[in-house]
Amino acid sequence: MSTGLLDALFWVAVVGCAISQLFILRAVFRTLPPRSSSPDAPSVPVPNRPQEIAWAILPAFLLVAVFLGAWRVMHPVTAP
């Protein structure tokens, strides 16, 4: 495969994952109730807001690390 095609495929994957991650974060922020609200039933646990946000952001950082690693493998730095 040509390098241009591989680069294009790489950037399509980056954009697709970024859009997906934005929708995941949007869903987390929209569905979490405000801190002051009480649950409808006493048996329903109240979600831990910082924990939910952290578990939504962690994959974004991991994806960045994976994409950076993939980019370095695709474009190795050669010694002069």
N, C-alpha and C. Protein backbone atom coordinates (compact mmCIF):
# COMPACT_ATOMS: atom_id res chain seq x y z
N MET A 1 0.83 -1.18 0.00
CA MET A 1 0.00 0.00 0.00
C MET A 1 0.87 1.24 0.00
N SER A 2 0.38 2.27 -0.62
CA SER A 2 1.14 3.51 -0.66
C SER A 2 1.04 4.24 0.68
N THR A 3 2.04 5.04 0.95
CA THR A 3 2.09 5.78 2.21
C THR A 3 0.94 6.77 2.30
N GLY A 4 0.59 7.39 1.18
CA GLY A 4 -0.52 8.35 1.17
C GLY A 4 -1.84 7.71 1.55
N LEU A 5 -2.08 6.50 1.04
CA LEU A 5 -3.31 5.78 1.36
C LEU A 5 -3.33 5.39 2.83
N LEU A 6 -2.20 4.94 3.34
CA LEU A 6 -2.13 4.58 4.76
C LEU A 6 -2.33 5.80 5.66
N ASP A 7 -1.75 6.93 5.27
CA ASP A 7 -1.94 8.16 6.05
C ASP A 7 -3.41 8.59 6.04
N ALA A 8 -4.04 8.48 4.88
CA ALA A 8 -5.46 8.85 4.78
C ALA A 8 -6.31 7.94 5.66
N LEU A 9 -6.04 6.66 5.62
CA LEU A 9 -6.77 5.71 6.45
C LEU A 9 -6.55 5.99 7.93
N PHE A 10 -5.32 6.33 8.29
CA PHE A 10 -5.00 6.68 9.68
C PHE A 10 -5.83 7.89 10.13
N TRP A 11 -5.86 8.94 9.32
CA TRP A 11 -6.58 10.15 9.71
C TRP A 11 -8.09 9.94 9.72
N VAL A 12 -8.60 9.08 8.86
CA VAL A 12 -10.02 8.74 8.91
C VAL A 12 -10.34 8.05 10.23
N ALA A 13 -9.46 7.15 10.67
CA ALA A 13 -9.65 6.47 11.94
C ALA A 13 -9.56 7.45 13.11
N VAL A 14 -8.63 8.39 13.05
CA VAL A 14 -8.49 9.39 14.11
C VAL A 14 -9.77 10.24 14.21
N VAL A 15 -10.25 10.71 13.07
CA VAL A 15 -11.46 11.55 13.08
C VAL A 15 -12.67 10.74 13.56
N GLY A 16 -12.80 9.51 13.10
CA GLY A 16 -13.91 8.67 13.54
C GLY A 16 -13.90 8.41 15.04
N CYS A 17 -12.73 8.12 15.58
CA CYS A 17 -12.62 7.88 17.02
C CYS A 17 -12.85 9.16 17.82
N ALA A 18 -12.38 10.29 17.30
CA ALA A 18 -12.58 11.57 17.99
C ALA A 18 -14.07 11.92 18.04
N ILE A 19 -14.76 11.73 16.93
CA ILE A 19 -16.20 12.01 16.92
C ILE A 19 -16.94 11.08 17.87
N SER A 20 -16.58 9.80 17.85
CA SER A 20 -17.22 8.84 18.75
C SER A 20 -16.98 9.21 20.21
N GLN A 21 -15.75 9.60 20.53
CA GLN A 21 -15.42 9.96 21.90
C GLN A 21 -16.18 11.22 22.33
N LEU A 22 -16.34 12.17 21.43
CA LEU A 22 -17.12 13.37 21.76
C LEU A 22 -18.58 13.02 22.07
N PHE A 23 -19.15 12.10 21.32
CA PHE A 23 -20.52 11.69 21.59
C PHE A 23 -20.62 10.92 22.91
N ILE A 24 -19.61 10.14 23.25
CA ILE A 24 -19.60 9.44 24.54
C ILE A 24 -19.55 10.46 25.67
N LEU A 25 -18.66 11.45 25.57
CA LEU A 25 -18.57 12.47 26.60
C LEU A 25 -19.86 13.28 26.69
N ARG A 26 -20.45 13.59 25.56
CA ARG A 26 -21.72 14.33 25.55
C ARG A 26 -22.80 13.53 26.27
N ALA A 27 -22.85 12.24 26.02
CA ALA A 27 -23.85 11.39 26.68
C ALA A 27 -23.62 11.34 28.18
N VAL A 28 -22.37 11.26 28.60
CA VAL A 28 -22.07 11.20 30.04
C VAL A 28 -22.49 12.49 30.72
N PHE A 29 -22.16 13.62 30.12
CA PHE A 29 -22.49 14.90 30.75
C PHE A 29 -23.99 15.19 30.72
N ARG A 30 -24.69 14.69 29.73
CA ARG A 30 -26.13 14.96 29.64
C ARG A 30 -26.95 14.03 30.51
N THR A 31 -26.48 12.82 30.77
CA THR A 31 -27.30 11.86 31.51
C THR A 31 -27.04 11.87 33.01
N LEU A 32 -25.92 12.43 33.43
CA LEU A 32 -25.66 12.47 34.86
C LEU A 32 -26.57 13.51 35.51
N PRO A 33 -27.26 13.11 36.58
CA PRO A 33 -28.14 14.07 37.24
C PRO A 33 -27.32 15.10 38.02
N PRO A 34 -27.90 16.27 38.29
CA PRO A 34 -27.19 17.23 39.12
C PRO A 34 -26.93 16.66 40.51
N ARG A 35 -25.94 17.16 41.17
CA ARG A 35 -25.57 16.63 42.49
C ARG A 35 -26.70 16.77 43.52
N SER A 36 -27.52 17.78 43.38
CA SER A 36 -28.53 18.04 44.40
C SER A 36 -29.78 17.17 44.26
N SER A 37 -29.95 16.53 43.11
CA SER A 37 -31.17 15.75 42.92
C SER A 37 -31.09 14.42 43.67
N SER A 38 -32.23 13.98 44.12
CA SER A 38 -32.29 12.69 44.82
C SER A 38 -32.84 11.65 43.86
N PRO A 39 -32.48 10.39 44.05
CA PRO A 39 -32.98 9.35 43.14
C PRO A 39 -34.48 9.16 43.31
N ASP A 40 -35.11 8.61 42.28
CA ASP A 40 -36.55 8.38 42.31
C ASP A 40 -36.93 7.33 43.35
N ALA A 41 -36.11 6.34 43.50
CA ALA A 41 -36.38 5.28 44.48
C ALA A 41 -35.14 5.12 45.37
N PRO A 42 -35.35 4.76 46.62
CA PRO A 42 -34.20 4.61 47.51
C PRO A 42 -33.25 3.50 47.09
N SER A 43 -33.72 2.52 46.31
CA SER A 43 -32.86 1.42 45.91
C SER A 43 -32.01 1.75 44.69
N VAL A 44 -32.26 2.89 44.05
CA VAL A 44 -31.49 3.27 42.88
C VAL A 44 -30.23 3.99 43.34
N PRO A 45 -29.05 3.46 43.01
CA PRO A 45 -27.82 4.14 43.45
C PRO A 45 -27.59 5.44 42.68
N VAL A 46 -27.06 6.40 43.38
CA VAL A 46 -26.72 7.67 42.75
C VAL A 46 -25.35 7.53 42.11
N PRO A 47 -25.22 7.84 40.82
CA PRO A 47 -23.91 7.69 40.17
C PRO A 47 -22.90 8.67 40.75
N ASN A 48 -21.67 8.22 40.81
CA ASN A 48 -20.57 9.05 41.27
C ASN A 48 -20.09 9.88 40.08
N ARG A 49 -20.42 11.17 40.06
CA ARG A 49 -20.16 12.02 38.91
C ARG A 49 -18.68 12.06 38.50
N PRO A 50 -17.74 12.31 39.43
CA PRO A 50 -16.33 12.33 38.99
C PRO A 50 -15.86 10.98 38.45
N GLN A 51 -16.35 9.91 39.02
CA GLN A 51 -15.95 8.59 38.53
C GLN A 51 -16.50 8.33 37.13
N GLU A 52 -17.74 8.72 36.88
CA GLU A 52 -18.33 8.54 35.55
C GLU A 52 -17.57 9.36 34.50
N ILE A 53 -17.21 10.59 34.86
CA ILE A 53 -16.46 11.45 33.94
C ILE A 53 -15.08 10.86 33.68
N ALA A 54 -14.42 10.38 34.73
CA ALA A 54 -13.09 9.79 34.57
C ALA A 54 -13.13 8.57 33.66
N TRP A 55 -14.14 7.72 33.83
CA TRP A 55 -14.24 6.52 32.99
C TRP A 55 -14.63 6.86 31.56
N ALA A 56 -15.13 8.06 31.32
CA ALA A 56 -15.41 8.49 29.94
C ALA A 56 -14.19 9.15 29.31
N ILE A 57 -13.35 9.81 30.12
CA ILE A 57 -12.18 10.50 29.60
C ILE A 57 -10.98 9.57 29.43
N LEU A 58 -10.86 8.58 30.28
CA LEU A 58 -9.72 7.65 30.22
C LEU A 58 -9.53 7.02 28.84
N PRO A 59 -10.58 6.52 28.20
CA PRO A 59 -10.39 5.96 26.85
C PRO A 59 -9.88 6.98 25.84
N ALA A 60 -10.24 8.25 26.02
CA ALA A 60 -9.75 9.28 25.10
C ALA A 60 -8.23 9.40 25.20
N PHE A 61 -7.70 9.40 26.42
CA PHE A 61 -6.25 9.47 26.60
C PHE A 61 -5.57 8.21 26.05
N LEU A 62 -6.19 7.07 26.26
CA LEU A 62 -5.61 5.82 25.74
C LEU A 62 -5.62 5.82 24.20
N LEU A 63 -6.69 6.34 23.61
CA LEU A 63 -6.74 6.42 22.14
C LEU A 63 -5.65 7.34 21.61
N VAL A 64 -5.42 8.46 22.29
CA VAL A 64 -4.36 9.37 21.86
C VAL A 64 -3.01 8.65 21.91
N ALA A 65 -2.78 7.89 22.99
CA ALA A 65 -1.51 7.16 23.12
C ALA A 65 -1.37 6.12 22.01
N VAL A 66 -2.44 5.42 21.70
CA VAL A 66 -2.40 4.40 20.64
C VAL A 66 -2.14 5.05 19.29
N PHE A 67 -2.82 6.15 19.01
CA PHE A 67 -2.61 6.83 17.73
C PHE A 67 -1.21 7.41 17.62
N LEU A 68 -0.68 7.96 18.70
CA LEU A 68 0.70 8.47 18.65
C LEU A 68 1.69 7.33 18.41
N GLY A 69 1.48 6.20 19.07
CA GLY A 69 2.34 5.05 18.85
C GLY A 69 2.24 4.53 17.42
N ALA A 70 1.04 4.49 16.89
CA ALA A 70 0.85 4.03 15.51
C ALA A 70 1.52 4.99 14.53
N TRP A 71 1.41 6.29 14.78
CA TRP A 71 2.03 7.27 13.89
C TRP A 71 3.55 7.12 13.90
N ARG A 72 4.12 6.88 15.08
CA ARG A 72 5.57 6.71 15.17
C ARG A 72 6.03 5.45 14.46
N VAL A 73 5.23 4.40 14.49
CA VAL A 73 5.59 3.16 13.78
C VAL A 73 5.46 3.38 12.27
N MET A 74 4.43 4.14 11.87
CA MET A 74 4.25 4.40 10.44
C MET A 74 5.31 5.33 9.87
N HIS A 75 5.81 6.24 10.69
CA HIS A 75 6.76 7.25 10.23
C HIS A 75 7.98 7.27 11.17
N PRO A 76 8.81 6.25 11.09
CA PRO A 76 9.98 6.22 11.99
C PRO A 76 10.96 7.35 11.68
N VAL A 77 11.61 7.82 12.72
CA VAL A 77 12.60 8.88 12.57
C VAL A 77 13.92 8.22 12.17
N THR A 78 14.46 8.66 11.07
CA THR A 78 15.71 8.07 10.60
C THR A 78 16.86 8.97 11.02
N ALA A 79 17.98 8.35 11.35
CA ALA A 79 19.17 9.11 11.76
C ALA A 79 19.81 9.75 10.53
N PRO A 80 20.31 10.98 10.69
CA PRO A 80 20.93 11.65 9.53
C PRO A 80 22.24 11.05 9.11
